[in-house]
Amino acid sequence: MLLTPEHKERMAKMNFATVYPLYLTKIEKKGRTKEELHQVITWLTGFDDKTIDRLLKEQASFDTFFKQAHLHPNAILIKGLICGYRIEAIDDPLTRNIRYLDKLVDELAKGKKMEKILRT
């Protein structure tokens, strides 16, 4: 999937601290917890709670967020559609990583078991 330079720039500049409360609201409405959200973020990025909190306080962009992340080797197993995009067809690494996170949050909100979400 080809993305315009404008789209890539918009995704890179998007603020993790702005999106995080939306993730939290989405999963809590479905009976999931902040701890489960952090477990998903930790699995994907390698961040602990302290690092997540720091990135939130710093108002880190997704570009900064994912530059500091150590993506889980099984992240490539995250497939499917999210926001109308087929994840495995996204050629831009940053956009793909953001969509990985979106997909994991979506699966959490849909009630999937954590073992399935974390590709174990």
PDB file of N, CA and C in Angstrom:
ATOM      1  N   MET A   1       0.837  -1.176   0.000  1.00  0.00           N
ATOM      2  CA  MET A   1       0.000   0.000   0.000  1.00  0.00           C
ATOM      3  C   MET A   1       0.881   1.237   0.000  1.00  0.00           C
ATOM      4  N   LEU A   2       0.648   2.105  -0.929  1.00  0.00           N
ATOM      5  CA  LEU A   2       1.414   3.336  -1.023  1.00  0.00           C
ATOM      6  C   LEU A   2       0.709   4.442  -0.248  1.00  0.00           C
ATOM      7  N   LEU A   3       1.471   5.116   0.580  1.00  0.00           N
ATOM      8  CA  LEU A   3       0.943   6.218   1.375  1.00  0.00           C
ATOM      9  C   LEU A   3       1.552   7.517   0.883  1.00  0.00           C
ATOM     10  N   THR A   4       0.775   8.563   0.911  1.00  0.00           N
ATOM     11  CA  THR A   4       1.295   9.863   0.493  1.00  0.00           C
ATOM     12  C   THR A   4       2.268  10.377   1.546  1.00  0.00           C
ATOM     13  N   PRO A   5       3.188  11.234   1.142  1.00  0.00           N
ATOM     14  CA  PRO A   5       4.094  11.836   2.127  1.00  0.00           C
ATOM     15  C   PRO A   5       3.340  12.582   3.232  1.00  0.00           C
ATOM     16  N   GLU A   6       2.223  13.194   2.874  1.00  0.00           N
ATOM     17  CA  GLU A   6       1.423  13.922   3.860  1.00  0.00           C
ATOM     18  C   GLU A   6       0.846  12.972   4.904  1.00  0.00           C
ATOM     19  N   HIS A   7       0.369  11.818   4.436  1.00  0.00           N
ATOM     20  CA  HIS A   7      -0.189  10.818   5.355  1.00  0.00           C
ATOM     21  C   HIS A   7       0.889  10.313   6.310  1.00  0.00           C
ATOM     22  N   LYS A   8       2.050  10.013   5.752  1.00  0.00           N
ATOM     23  CA  LYS A   8       3.158   9.528   6.586  1.00  0.00           C
ATOM     24  C   LYS A   8       3.554  10.565   7.633  1.00  0.00           C
ATOM     25  N   GLU A   9       3.610  11.826   7.226  1.00  0.00           N
ATOM     26  CA  GLU A   9       3.987  12.889   8.154  1.00  0.00           C
ATOM     27  C   GLU A   9       2.938  13.048   9.255  1.00  0.00           C
ATOM     28  N   ARG A  10       1.668  12.973   8.872  1.00  0.00           N
ATOM     29  CA  ARG A  10       0.582  13.107   9.847  1.00  0.00           C
ATOM     30  C   ARG A  10       0.650  11.975  10.878  1.00  0.00           C
ATOM     31  N   MET A  11       0.909  10.768  10.406  1.00  0.00           N
ATOM     32  CA  MET A  11       1.016   9.616  11.311  1.00  0.00           C
ATOM     33  C   MET A  11       2.214   9.785  12.247  1.00  0.00           C
ATOM     34  N   ALA A  12       3.333  10.224  11.720  1.00  0.00           N
ATOM     35  CA  ALA A  12       4.552  10.385  12.522  1.00  0.00           C
ATOM     36  C   ALA A  12       4.376  11.430  13.612  1.00  0.00           C
ATOM     37  N   LYS A  13       3.655  12.507  13.300  1.00  0.00           N
ATOM     38  CA  LYS A  13       3.488  13.602  14.251  1.00  0.00           C
ATOM     39  C   LYS A  13       2.369  13.354  15.263  1.00  0.00           C
ATOM     40  N   MET A  14       1.523  12.359  14.993  1.00  0.00           N
ATOM     41  CA  MET A  14       0.425  12.075  15.904  1.00  0.00           C
ATOM     42  C   MET A  14       0.972  11.803  17.306  1.00  0.00           C
ATOM     43  N   ASN A  15       0.306  12.344  18.288  1.00  0.00           N
ATOM     44  CA  ASN A  15       0.775  12.302  19.662  1.00  0.00           C
ATOM     45  C   ASN A  15       0.243  11.057  20.375  1.00  0.00           C
ATOM     46  N   PHE A  16       1.137  10.232  20.905  1.00  0.00           N
ATOM     47  CA  PHE A  16       0.737   9.036  21.635  1.00  0.00           C
ATOM     48  C   PHE A  16      -0.163   9.385  22.817  1.00  0.00           C
ATOM     49  N   ALA A  17       0.126  10.485  23.508  1.00  0.00           N
ATOM     50  CA  ALA A  17      -0.659  10.896  24.680  1.00  0.00           C
ATOM     51  C   ALA A  17      -2.082  11.301  24.297  1.00  0.00           C
ATOM     52  N   THR A  18      -2.289  11.693  23.075  1.00  0.00           N
ATOM     53  CA  THR A  18      -3.630  12.028  22.607  1.00  0.00           C
ATOM     54  C   THR A  18      -4.426  10.771  22.277  1.00  0.00           C
ATOM     55  N   VAL A  19      -3.764   9.778  21.718  1.00  0.00           N
ATOM     56  CA  VAL A  19      -4.428   8.551  21.294  1.00  0.00           C
ATOM     57  C   VAL A  19      -4.634   7.590  22.467  1.00  0.00           C
ATOM     58  N   TYR A  20      -3.712   7.586  23.414  1.00  0.00           N
ATOM     59  CA  TYR A  20      -3.768   6.655  24.548  1.00  0.00           C
ATOM     60  C   TYR A  20      -5.115   6.679  25.285  1.00  0.00           C
ATOM     61  N   PRO A  21      -5.654   7.863  25.649  1.00  0.00           N
ATOM     62  CA  PRO A  21      -6.950   7.859  26.353  1.00  0.00           C
ATOM     63  C   PRO A  21      -8.085   7.269  25.496  1.00  0.00           C
ATOM     64  N   LEU A  22      -7.977   7.407  24.183  1.00  0.00           N
ATOM     65  CA  LEU A  22      -8.972   6.811  23.296  1.00  0.00           C
ATOM     66  C   LEU A  22      -8.878   5.295  23.342  1.00  0.00           C
ATOM     67  N   TYR A  23      -7.652   4.776  23.338  1.00  0.00           N
ATOM     68  CA  TYR A  23      -7.453   3.333  23.504  1.00  0.00           C
ATOM     69  C   TYR A  23      -8.054   2.866  24.826  1.00  0.00           C
ATOM     70  N   LEU A  24      -7.734   3.585  25.889  1.00  0.00           N
ATOM     71  CA  LEU A  24      -8.184   3.208  27.230  1.00  0.00           C
ATOM     72  C   LEU A  24      -9.711   3.213  27.317  1.00  0.00           C
ATOM     73  N   THR A  25     -10.338   4.248  26.810  1.00  0.00           N
ATOM     74  CA  THR A  25     -11.797   4.326  26.827  1.00  0.00           C
ATOM     75  C   THR A  25     -12.410   3.173  26.046  1.00  0.00           C
ATOM     76  N   LYS A  26     -11.835   2.887  24.890  1.00  0.00           N
ATOM     77  CA  LYS A  26     -12.352   1.823  24.024  1.00  0.00           C
ATOM     78  C   LYS A  26     -12.334   0.478  24.734  1.00  0.00           C
ATOM     79  N   ILE A  27     -11.242   0.156  25.386  1.00  0.00           N
ATOM     80  CA  ILE A  27     -11.139  -1.168  26.015  1.00  0.00           C
ATOM     81  C   ILE A  27     -11.928  -1.231  27.332  1.00  0.00           C
ATOM     82  N   GLU A  28     -11.950  -0.124  28.079  1.00  0.00           N
ATOM     83  CA  GLU A  28     -12.682  -0.123  29.346  1.00  0.00           C
ATOM     84  C   GLU A  28     -14.189  -0.249  29.121  1.00  0.00           C
ATOM     85  N   LYS A  29     -14.699   0.309  28.022  1.00  0.00           N
ATOM     86  CA  LYS A  29     -16.119   0.154  27.691  1.00  0.00           C
ATOM     87  C   LYS A  29     -16.489  -1.309  27.481  1.00  0.00           C
ATOM     88  N   LYS A  30     -15.506  -2.095  27.121  1.00  0.00           N
ATOM     89  CA  LYS A  30     -15.730  -3.517  26.850  1.00  0.00           C
ATOM     90  C   LYS A  30     -15.304  -4.406  28.027  1.00  0.00           C
ATOM     91  N   GLY A  31     -15.037  -3.768  29.177  1.00  0.00           N
ATOM     92  CA  GLY A  31     -14.721  -4.540  30.375  1.00  0.00           C
ATOM     93  C   GLY A  31     -13.263  -4.938  30.526  1.00  0.00           C
ATOM     94  N   ARG A  32     -12.388  -4.379  29.704  1.00  0.00           N
ATOM     95  CA  ARG A  32     -10.965  -4.669  29.832  1.00  0.00           C
ATOM     96  C   ARG A  32     -10.323  -3.604  30.708  1.00  0.00           C
ATOM     97  N   THR A  33      -9.075  -3.807  31.107  1.00  0.00           N
ATOM     98  CA  THR A  33      -8.441  -2.925  32.086  1.00  0.00           C
ATOM     99  C   THR A  33      -7.219  -2.205  31.524  1.00  0.00           C
ATOM    100  N   LYS A  34      -6.827  -1.162  32.234  1.00  0.00           N
ATOM    101  CA  LYS A  34      -5.615  -0.417  31.896  1.00  0.00           C
ATOM    102  C   LYS A  34      -4.405  -1.352  31.955  1.00  0.00           C
ATOM    103  N   GLU A  35      -4.396  -2.250  32.910  1.00  0.00           N
ATOM    104  CA  GLU A  35      -3.285  -3.200  33.040  1.00  0.00           C
ATOM    105  C   GLU A  35      -3.184  -4.079  31.797  1.00  0.00           C
ATOM    106  N   GLU A  36      -4.321  -4.493  31.257  1.00  0.00           N
ATOM    107  CA  GLU A  36      -4.308  -5.309  30.036  1.00  0.00           C
ATOM    108  C   GLU A  36      -3.822  -4.475  28.848  1.00  0.00           C
ATOM    109  N   LEU A  37      -4.233  -3.217  28.793  1.00  0.00           N
ATOM    110  CA  LEU A  37      -3.736  -2.336  27.727  1.00  0.00           C
ATOM    111  C   LEU A  37      -2.219  -2.207  27.811  1.00  0.00           C
ATOM    112  N   HIS A  38      -1.709  -2.007  29.016  1.00  0.00           N
ATOM    113  CA  HIS A  38      -0.257  -1.889  29.202  1.00  0.00           C
ATOM    114  C   HIS A  38       0.440  -3.203  28.856  1.00  0.00           C
ATOM    115  N   GLN A  39      -0.197  -4.328  29.152  1.00  0.00           N
ATOM    116  CA  GLN A  39       0.394  -5.622  28.796  1.00  0.00           C
ATOM    117  C   GLN A  39       0.555  -5.731  27.277  1.00  0.00           C
ATOM    118  N   VAL A  40      -0.451  -5.277  26.538  1.00  0.00           N
ATOM    119  CA  VAL A  40      -0.404  -5.308  25.079  1.00  0.00           C
ATOM    120  C   VAL A  40       0.681  -4.364  24.556  1.00  0.00           C
ATOM    121  N   ILE A  41       0.733  -3.149  25.108  1.00  0.00           N
ATOM    122  CA  ILE A  41       1.750  -2.176  24.683  1.00  0.00           C
ATOM    123  C   ILE A  41       3.146  -2.700  25.000  1.00  0.00           C
ATOM    124  N   THR A  42       3.298  -3.289  26.176  1.00  0.00           N
ATOM    125  CA  THR A  42       4.590  -3.846  26.583  1.00  0.00           C
ATOM    126  C   THR A  42       5.014  -4.972  25.654  1.00  0.00           C
ATOM    127  N   TRP A  43       4.085  -5.850  25.334  1.00  0.00           N
ATOM    128  CA  TRP A  43       4.411  -6.967  24.437  1.00  0.00           C
ATOM    129  C   TRP A  43       4.916  -6.438  23.097  1.00  0.00           C
ATOM    130  N   LEU A  44       4.203  -5.461  22.526  1.00  0.00           N
ATOM    131  CA  LEU A  44       4.571  -4.954  21.206  1.00  0.00           C
ATOM    132  C   LEU A  44       5.871  -4.163  21.228  1.00  0.00           C
ATOM    133  N   THR A  45       6.069  -3.329  22.244  1.00  0.00           N
ATOM    134  CA  THR A  45       7.159  -2.347  22.223  1.00  0.00           C
ATOM    135  C   THR A  45       8.339  -2.663  23.129  1.00  0.00           C
ATOM    136  N   GLY A  46       8.121  -3.494  24.141  1.00  0.00           N
ATOM    137  CA  GLY A  46       9.160  -3.744  25.135  1.00  0.00           C
ATOM    138  C   GLY A  46       9.173  -2.716  26.251  1.00  0.00           C
ATOM    139  N   PHE A  47       8.261  -1.740  26.207  1.00  0.00           N
ATOM    140  CA  PHE A  47       8.212  -0.700  27.237  1.00  0.00           C
ATOM    141  C   PHE A  47       7.611  -1.240  28.535  1.00  0.00           C
ATOM    142  N   ASP A  48       8.166  -0.805  29.666  1.00  0.00           N
ATOM    143  CA  ASP A  48       7.539  -1.091  30.950  1.00  0.00           C
ATOM    144  C   ASP A  48       6.585   0.056  31.276  1.00  0.00           C
ATOM    145  N   ASP A  49       5.847  -0.071  32.393  1.00  0.00           N
ATOM    146  CA  ASP A  49       4.880   0.962  32.773  1.00  0.00           C
ATOM    147  C   ASP A  49       5.536   2.328  32.961  1.00  0.00           C
ATOM    148  N   LYS A  50       6.728   2.322  33.527  1.00  0.00           N
ATOM    149  CA  LYS A  50       7.440   3.577  33.769  1.00  0.00           C
ATOM    150  C   LYS A  50       7.744   4.290  32.440  1.00  0.00           C
ATOM    151  N   THR A  51       8.157   3.542  31.441  1.00  0.00           N
ATOM    152  CA  THR A  51       8.463   4.120  30.129  1.00  0.00           C
ATOM    153  C   THR A  51       7.192   4.617  29.448  1.00  0.00           C
ATOM    154  N   ILE A  52       6.126   3.853  29.552  1.00  0.00           N
ATOM    155  CA  ILE A  52       4.847   4.282  28.973  1.00  0.00           C
ATOM    156  C   ILE A  52       4.417   5.597  29.604  1.00  0.00           C
ATOM    157  N   ASP A  53       4.485   5.677  30.926  1.00  0.00           N
ATOM    158  CA  ASP A  53       4.107   6.907  31.634  1.00  0.00           C
ATOM    159  C   ASP A  53       4.989   8.086  31.218  1.00  0.00           C
ATOM    160  N   ARG A  54       6.289   7.840  31.057  1.00  0.00           N
ATOM    161  CA  ARG A  54       7.206   8.909  30.648  1.00  0.00           C
ATOM    162  C   ARG A  54       6.848   9.419  29.254  1.00  0.00           C
ATOM    163  N   LEU A  55       6.580   8.508  28.336  1.00  0.00           N
ATOM    164  CA  LEU A  55       6.229   8.903  26.971  1.00  0.00           C
ATOM    165  C   LEU A  55       4.915   9.675  26.938  1.00  0.00           C
ATOM    166  N   LEU A  56       3.993   9.301  27.810  1.00  0.00           N
ATOM    167  CA  LEU A  56       2.735  10.044  27.911  1.00  0.00           C
ATOM    168  C   LEU A  56       2.993  11.458  28.424  1.00  0.00           C
ATOM    169  N   LYS A  57       3.793  11.578  29.471  1.00  0.00           N
ATOM    170  CA  LYS A  57       4.095  12.894  30.046  1.00  0.00           C
ATOM    171  C   LYS A  57       4.866  13.776  29.069  1.00  0.00           C
ATOM    172  N   GLU A  58       5.738  13.169  28.286  1.00  0.00           N
ATOM    173  CA  GLU A  58       6.536  13.919  27.312  1.00  0.00           C
ATOM    174  C   GLU A  58       5.739  14.302  26.068  1.00  0.00           C
ATOM    175  N   GLN A  59       4.507  13.797  25.975  1.00  0.00           N
ATOM    176  CA  GLN A  59       3.690  14.052  24.786  1.00  0.00           C
ATOM    177  C   GLN A  59       4.420  13.561  23.528  1.00  0.00           C
ATOM    178  N   ALA A  60       4.996  12.373  23.611  1.00  0.00           N
ATOM    179  CA  ALA A  60       5.795  11.825  22.519  1.00  0.00           C
ATOM    180  C   ALA A  60       4.953  11.590  21.268  1.00  0.00           C
ATOM    181  N   SER A  61       5.533  11.934  20.141  1.00  0.00           N
ATOM    182  CA  SER A  61       4.891  11.613  18.864  1.00  0.00           C
ATOM    183  C   SER A  61       5.032  10.109  18.639  1.00  0.00           C
ATOM    184  N   PHE A  62       4.226   9.579  17.722  1.00  0.00           N
ATOM    185  CA  PHE A  62       4.371   8.160  17.402  1.00  0.00           C
ATOM    186  C   PHE A  62       5.732   7.883  16.784  1.00  0.00           C
ATOM    187  N   ASP A  63       6.297   8.847  16.088  1.00  0.00           N
ATOM    188  CA  ASP A  63       7.641   8.682  15.537  1.00  0.00           C
ATOM    189  C   ASP A  63       8.638   8.444  16.675  1.00  0.00           C
ATOM    190  N   THR A  64       8.613   9.296  17.679  1.00  0.00           N
ATOM    191  CA  THR A  64       9.496   9.142  18.842  1.00  0.00           C
ATOM    192  C   THR A  64       9.188   7.851  19.588  1.00  0.00           C
ATOM    193  N   PHE A  65       7.907   7.575  19.786  1.00  0.00           N
ATOM    194  CA  PHE A  65       7.449   6.385  20.501  1.00  0.00           C
ATOM    195  C   PHE A  65       8.050   5.119  19.884  1.00  0.00           C
ATOM    196  N   PHE A  66       7.893   4.973  18.575  1.00  0.00           N
ATOM    197  CA  PHE A  66       8.356   3.738  17.936  1.00  0.00           C
ATOM    198  C   PHE A  66       9.860   3.723  17.679  1.00  0.00           C
ATOM    199  N   LYS A  67      10.507   4.881  17.649  1.00  0.00           N
ATOM    200  CA  LYS A  67      11.971   4.886  17.553  1.00  0.00           C
ATOM    201  C   LYS A  67      12.604   4.338  18.823  1.00  0.00           C
ATOM    202  N   GLN A  68      11.918   4.491  19.950  1.00  0.00           N
ATOM    203  CA  GLN A  68      12.429   3.991  21.222  1.00  0.00           C
ATOM    204  C   GLN A  68      12.011   2.541  21.494  1.00  0.00           C
ATOM    205  N   ALA A  69      11.071   2.050  20.724  1.00  0.00           N
ATOM    206  CA  ALA A  69      10.525   0.704  20.950  1.00  0.00           C
ATOM    207  C   ALA A  69      11.457  -0.377  20.399  1.00  0.00           C
ATOM    208  N   HIS A  70      11.344  -1.539  20.997  1.00  0.00           N
ATOM    209  CA  HIS A  70      11.981  -2.749  20.485  1.00  0.00           C
ATOM    210  C   HIS A  70      10.845  -3.697  20.135  1.00  0.00           C
ATOM    211  N   LEU A  71      10.411  -3.650  18.882  1.00  0.00           N
ATOM    212  CA  LEU A  71       9.243  -4.400  18.454  1.00  0.00           C
ATOM    213  C   LEU A  71       9.423  -5.900  18.696  1.00  0.00           C
ATOM    214  N   HIS A  72       8.374  -6.516  19.189  1.00  0.00           N
ATOM    215  CA  HIS A  72       8.390  -7.959  19.438  1.00  0.00           C
ATOM    216  C   HIS A  72       8.580  -8.681  18.104  1.00  0.00           C
ATOM    217  N   PRO A  73       9.411  -9.721  18.076  1.00  0.00           N
ATOM    218  CA  PRO A  73       9.652 -10.435  16.815  1.00  0.00           C
ATOM    219  C   PRO A  73       8.377 -11.026  16.205  1.00  0.00           C
ATOM    220  N   ASN A  74       7.389 -11.344  17.038  1.00  0.00           N
ATOM    221  CA  ASN A  74       6.149 -11.908  16.515  1.00  0.00           C
ATOM    222  C   ASN A  74       5.153 -10.849  16.049  1.00  0.00           C
ATOM    223  N   ALA A  75       5.539  -9.586  16.080  1.00  0.00           N
ATOM    224  CA  ALA A  75       4.644  -8.533  15.603  1.00  0.00           C
ATOM    225  C   ALA A  75       4.267  -8.758  14.139  1.00  0.00           C
ATOM    226  N   ILE A  76       5.146  -9.384  13.386  1.00  0.00           N
ATOM    227  CA  ILE A  76       4.844  -9.642  11.967  1.00  0.00           C
ATOM    228  C   ILE A  76       3.660 -10.603  11.802  1.00  0.00           C
ATOM    229  N   LEU A  77       3.275 -11.271  12.877  1.00  0.00           N
ATOM    230  CA  LEU A  77       2.122 -12.176  12.821  1.00  0.00           C
ATOM    231  C   LEU A  77       0.799 -11.417  12.943  1.00  0.00           C
ATOM    232  N   ILE A  78       0.850 -10.134  13.226  1.00  0.00           N
ATOM    233  CA  ILE A  78      -0.356  -9.312  13.324  1.00  0.00           C
ATOM    234  C   ILE A  78      -0.800  -8.995  11.905  1.00  0.00           C
ATOM    235  N   LYS A  79      -1.953  -9.515  11.556  1.00  0.00           N
ATOM    236  CA  LYS A  79      -2.457  -9.363  10.190  1.00  0.00           C
ATOM    237  C   LYS A  79      -3.919  -8.961  10.236  1.00  0.00           C
ATOM    238  N   GLY A  80      -4.433  -8.575   9.093  1.00  0.00           N
ATOM    239  CA  GLY A  80      -5.845  -8.254   8.986  1.00  0.00           C
ATOM    240  C   GLY A  80      -6.071  -6.797   8.664  1.00  0.00           C
ATOM    241  N   LEU A  81      -7.332  -6.412   8.765  1.00  0.00           N
ATOM    242  CA  LEU A  81      -7.737  -5.043   8.443  1.00  0.00           C
ATOM    243  C   LEU A  81      -7.874  -4.215   9.704  1.00  0.00           C
ATOM    244  N   ILE A  82      -7.402  -2.987   9.627  1.00  0.00           N
ATOM    245  CA  ILE A  82      -7.610  -2.019  10.694  1.00  0.00           C
ATOM    246  C   ILE A  82      -7.737  -0.656  10.032  1.00  0.00           C
ATOM    247  N   CYS A  83      -8.774   0.060  10.382  1.00  0.00           N
ATOM    248  CA  CYS A  83      -9.037   1.392   9.804  1.00  0.00           C
ATOM    249  C   CYS A  83      -9.066   1.339   8.277  1.00  0.00           C
ATOM    250  N   GLY A  84      -9.536   0.233   7.735  1.00  0.00           N
ATOM    251  CA  GLY A  84      -9.645   0.093   6.291  1.00  0.00           C
ATOM    252  C   GLY A  84      -8.364  -0.283   5.574  1.00  0.00           C
ATOM    253  N   TYR A  85      -7.296  -0.534   6.308  1.00  0.00           N
ATOM    254  CA  TYR A  85      -6.006  -0.886   5.710  1.00  0.00           C
ATOM    255  C   TYR A  85      -5.633  -2.316   6.070  1.00  0.00           C
ATOM    256  N   ARG A  86      -5.141  -3.052   5.101  1.00  0.00           N
ATOM    257  CA  ARG A  86      -4.616  -4.393   5.358  1.00  0.00           C
ATOM    258  C   ARG A  86      -3.207  -4.201   5.896  1.00  0.00           C
ATOM    259  N   ILE A  87      -2.998  -4.590   7.145  1.00  0.00           N
ATOM    260  CA  ILE A  87      -1.749  -4.320   7.853  1.00  0.00           C
ATOM    261  C   ILE A  87      -0.535  -4.847   7.102  1.00  0.00           C
ATOM    262  N   GLU A  88      -0.642  -6.063   6.634  1.00  0.00           N
ATOM    263  CA  GLU A  88       0.524  -6.668   5.980  1.00  0.00           C
ATOM    264  C   GLU A  88       0.870  -6.023   4.645  1.00  0.00           C
ATOM    265  N   ALA A  89       0.002  -5.173   4.125  1.00  0.00           N
ATOM    266  CA  ALA A  89       0.262  -4.482   2.857  1.00  0.00           C
ATOM    267  C   ALA A  89       0.813  -3.069   3.051  1.00  0.00           C
ATOM    268  N   ILE A  90       0.951  -2.636   4.293  1.00  0.00           N
ATOM    269  CA  ILE A  90       1.454  -1.285   4.561  1.00  0.00           C
ATOM    270  C   ILE A  90       2.974  -1.302   4.431  1.00  0.00           C
ATOM    271  N   ASP A  91       3.506  -0.489   3.516  1.00  0.00           N
ATOM    272  CA  ASP A  91       4.939  -0.507   3.257  1.00  0.00           C
ATOM    273  C   ASP A  91       5.737   0.413   4.177  1.00  0.00           C
ATOM    274  N   ASP A  92       5.107   1.414   4.738  1.00  0.00           N
ATOM    275  CA  ASP A  92       5.811   2.343   5.624  1.00  0.00           C
ATOM    276  C   ASP A  92       5.926   1.727   7.024  1.00  0.00           C
ATOM    277  N   PRO A  93       7.152   1.523   7.524  1.00  0.00           N
ATOM    278  CA  PRO A  93       7.329   0.850   8.817  1.00  0.00           C
ATOM    279  C   PRO A  93       6.624   1.543   9.987  1.00  0.00           C
ATOM    280  N   LEU A  94       6.683   2.863  10.052  1.00  0.00           N
ATOM    281  CA  LEU A  94       6.048   3.557  11.174  1.00  0.00           C
ATOM    282  C   LEU A  94       4.534   3.399  11.128  1.00  0.00           C
ATOM    283  N   THR A  95       3.950   3.597   9.967  1.00  0.00           N
ATOM    284  CA  THR A  95       2.499   3.441   9.840  1.00  0.00           C
ATOM    285  C   THR A  95       2.088   2.012  10.172  1.00  0.00           C
ATOM    286  N   ARG A  96       2.864   1.044   9.712  1.00  0.00           N
ATOM    287  CA  ARG A  96       2.570  -0.361  10.011  1.00  0.00           C
ATOM    288  C   ARG A  96       2.631  -0.606  11.522  1.00  0.00           C
ATOM    289  N   ASN A  97       3.637  -0.047  12.201  1.00  0.00           N
ATOM    290  CA  ASN A  97       3.757  -0.232  13.652  1.00  0.00           C
ATOM    291  C   ASN A  97       2.571   0.383  14.390  1.00  0.00           C
ATOM    292  N   ILE A  98       2.148   1.562  13.949  1.00  0.00           N
ATOM    293  CA  ILE A  98       0.981   2.199  14.569  1.00  0.00           C
ATOM    294  C   ILE A  98      -0.251   1.327  14.364  1.00  0.00           C
ATOM    295  N   ARG A  99      -0.402   0.788  13.185  1.00  0.00           N
ATOM    296  CA  ARG A  99      -1.553  -0.073  12.896  1.00  0.00           C
ATOM    297  C   ARG A  99      -1.468  -1.391  13.663  1.00  0.00           C
ATOM    298  N   TYR A 100      -0.247  -1.881  13.907  1.00  0.00           N
ATOM    299  CA  TYR A 100      -0.097  -3.051  14.787  1.00  0.00           C
ATOM    300  C   TYR A 100      -0.716  -2.745  16.149  1.00  0.00           C
ATOM    301  N   LEU A 101      -0.355  -1.609  16.710  1.00  0.00           N
ATOM    302  CA  LEU A 101      -0.879  -1.229  18.020  1.00  0.00           C
ATOM    303  C   LEU A 101      -2.390  -1.065  17.965  1.00  0.00           C
ATOM    304  N   ASP A 102      -2.890  -0.406  16.922  1.00  0.00           N
ATOM    305  CA  ASP A 102      -4.336  -0.256  16.765  1.00  0.00           C
ATOM    306  C   ASP A 102      -5.032  -1.617  16.732  1.00  0.00           C
ATOM    307  N   LYS A 103      -4.461  -2.545  15.999  1.00  0.00           N
ATOM    308  CA  LYS A 103      -5.062  -3.881  15.857  1.00  0.00           C
ATOM    309  C   LYS A 103      -5.077  -4.610  17.194  1.00  0.00           C
ATOM    310  N   LEU A 104      -3.986  -4.533  17.948  1.00  0.00           N
ATOM    311  CA  LEU A 104      -3.945  -5.192  19.253  1.00  0.00           C
ATOM    312  C   LEU A 104      -4.989  -4.610  20.198  1.00  0.00           C
ATOM    313  N   VAL A 105      -5.127  -3.293  20.193  1.00  0.00           N
ATOM    314  CA  VAL A 105      -6.131  -2.640  21.037  1.00  0.00           C
ATOM    315  C   VAL A 105      -7.530  -3.062  20.593  1.00  0.00           C
ATOM    316  N   ASP A 106      -7.746  -3.136  19.304  1.00  0.00           N
ATOM    317  CA  ASP A 106      -9.029  -3.566  18.766  1.00  0.00           C
ATOM    318  C   ASP A 106      -9.357  -4.990  19.210  1.00  0.00           C
ATOM    319  N   GLU A 107      -8.381  -5.869  19.130  1.00  0.00           N
ATOM    320  CA  GLU A 107      -8.597  -7.254  19.559  1.00  0.00           C
ATOM    321  C   GLU A 107      -8.887  -7.328  21.051  1.00  0.00           C
ATOM    322  N   LEU A 108      -8.207  -6.521  21.833  1.00  0.00           N
ATOM    323  CA  LEU A 108      -8.450  -6.459  23.274  1.00  0.00           C
ATOM    324  C   LEU A 108      -9.890  -6.014  23.533  1.00  0.00           C
ATOM    325  N   ALA A 109     -10.334  -4.988  22.831  1.00  0.00           N
ATOM    326  CA  ALA A 109     -11.696  -4.481  23.001  1.00  0.00           C
ATOM    327  C   ALA A 109     -12.745  -5.492  22.546  1.00  0.00           C
ATOM    328  N   LYS A 110     -12.397  -6.321  21.589  1.00  0.00           N
ATOM    329  CA  LYS A 110     -13.341  -7.320  21.085  1.00  0.00           C
ATOM    330  C   LYS A 110     -13.420  -8.552  21.982  1.00  0.00           C
ATOM    331  N   GLY A 111     -12.613  -8.569  23.050  1.00  0.00           N
ATOM    332  CA  GLY A 111     -12.699  -9.659  24.008  1.00  0.00           C
ATOM    333  C   GLY A 111     -11.853 -10.880  23.704  1.00  0.00           C
ATOM    334  N   LYS A 112     -10.925 -10.751  22.781  1.00  0.00           N
ATOM    335  CA  LYS A 112     -10.040 -11.887  22.491  1.00  0.00           C
ATOM    336  C   LYS A 112      -9.224 -12.243  23.722  1.00  0.00           C
ATOM    337  N   LYS A 113      -8.864 -13.502  23.819  1.00  0.00           N
ATOM    338  CA  LYS A 113      -8.007 -13.943  24.917  1.00  0.00           C
ATOM    339  C   LYS A 113      -6.610 -13.377  24.729  1.00  0.00           C
ATOM    340  N   MET A 114      -5.985 -13.053  25.851  1.00  0.00           N
ATOM    341  CA  MET A 114      -4.656 -12.422  25.803  1.00  0.00           C
ATOM    342  C   MET A 114      -3.639 -13.301  25.069  1.00  0.00           C
ATOM    343  N   GLU A 115      -3.746 -14.618  25.214  1.00  0.00           N
ATOM    344  CA  GLU A 115      -2.805 -15.507  24.524  1.00  0.00           C
ATOM    345  C   GLU A 115      -2.884 -15.329  23.014  1.00  0.00           C
ATOM    346  N   LYS A 116      -4.092 -15.129  22.492  1.00  0.00           N
ATOM    347  CA  LYS A 116      -4.273 -14.916  21.043  1.00  0.00           C
ATOM    348  C   LYS A 116      -3.749 -13.545  20.640  1.00  0.00           C
ATOM    349  N   ILE A 117      -4.064 -12.526  21.453  1.00  0.00           N
ATOM    350  CA  ILE A 117      -3.626 -11.161  21.137  1.00  0.00           C
ATOM    351  C   ILE A 117      -2.115 -11.079  21.072  1.00  0.00           C
ATOM    352  N   LEU A 118      -1.451 -11.745  22.023  1.00  0.00           N
ATOM    353  CA  LEU A 118       0.002 -11.669  22.118  1.00  0.00           C
ATOM    354  C   LEU A 118       0.721 -12.689  21.240  1.00  0.00           C
ATOM    355  N   ARG A 119      -0.041 -13.359  20.407  1.00  0.00           N
ATOM    356  CA  ARG A 119       0.544 -14.300  19.437  1.00  0.00           C
ATOM    357  C   ARG A 119       1.482 -15.299  20.099  1.00  0.00           C
ATOM    358  N   THR A 120       1.016 -15.915  21.195  1.00  0.00           N
ATOM    359  CA  THR A 120       1.843 -16.923  21.879  1.00  0.00           C
ATOM    360  C   THR A 120       1.415 -18.323  21.506  1.00  0.00           C
TER     361      THR A 120
END
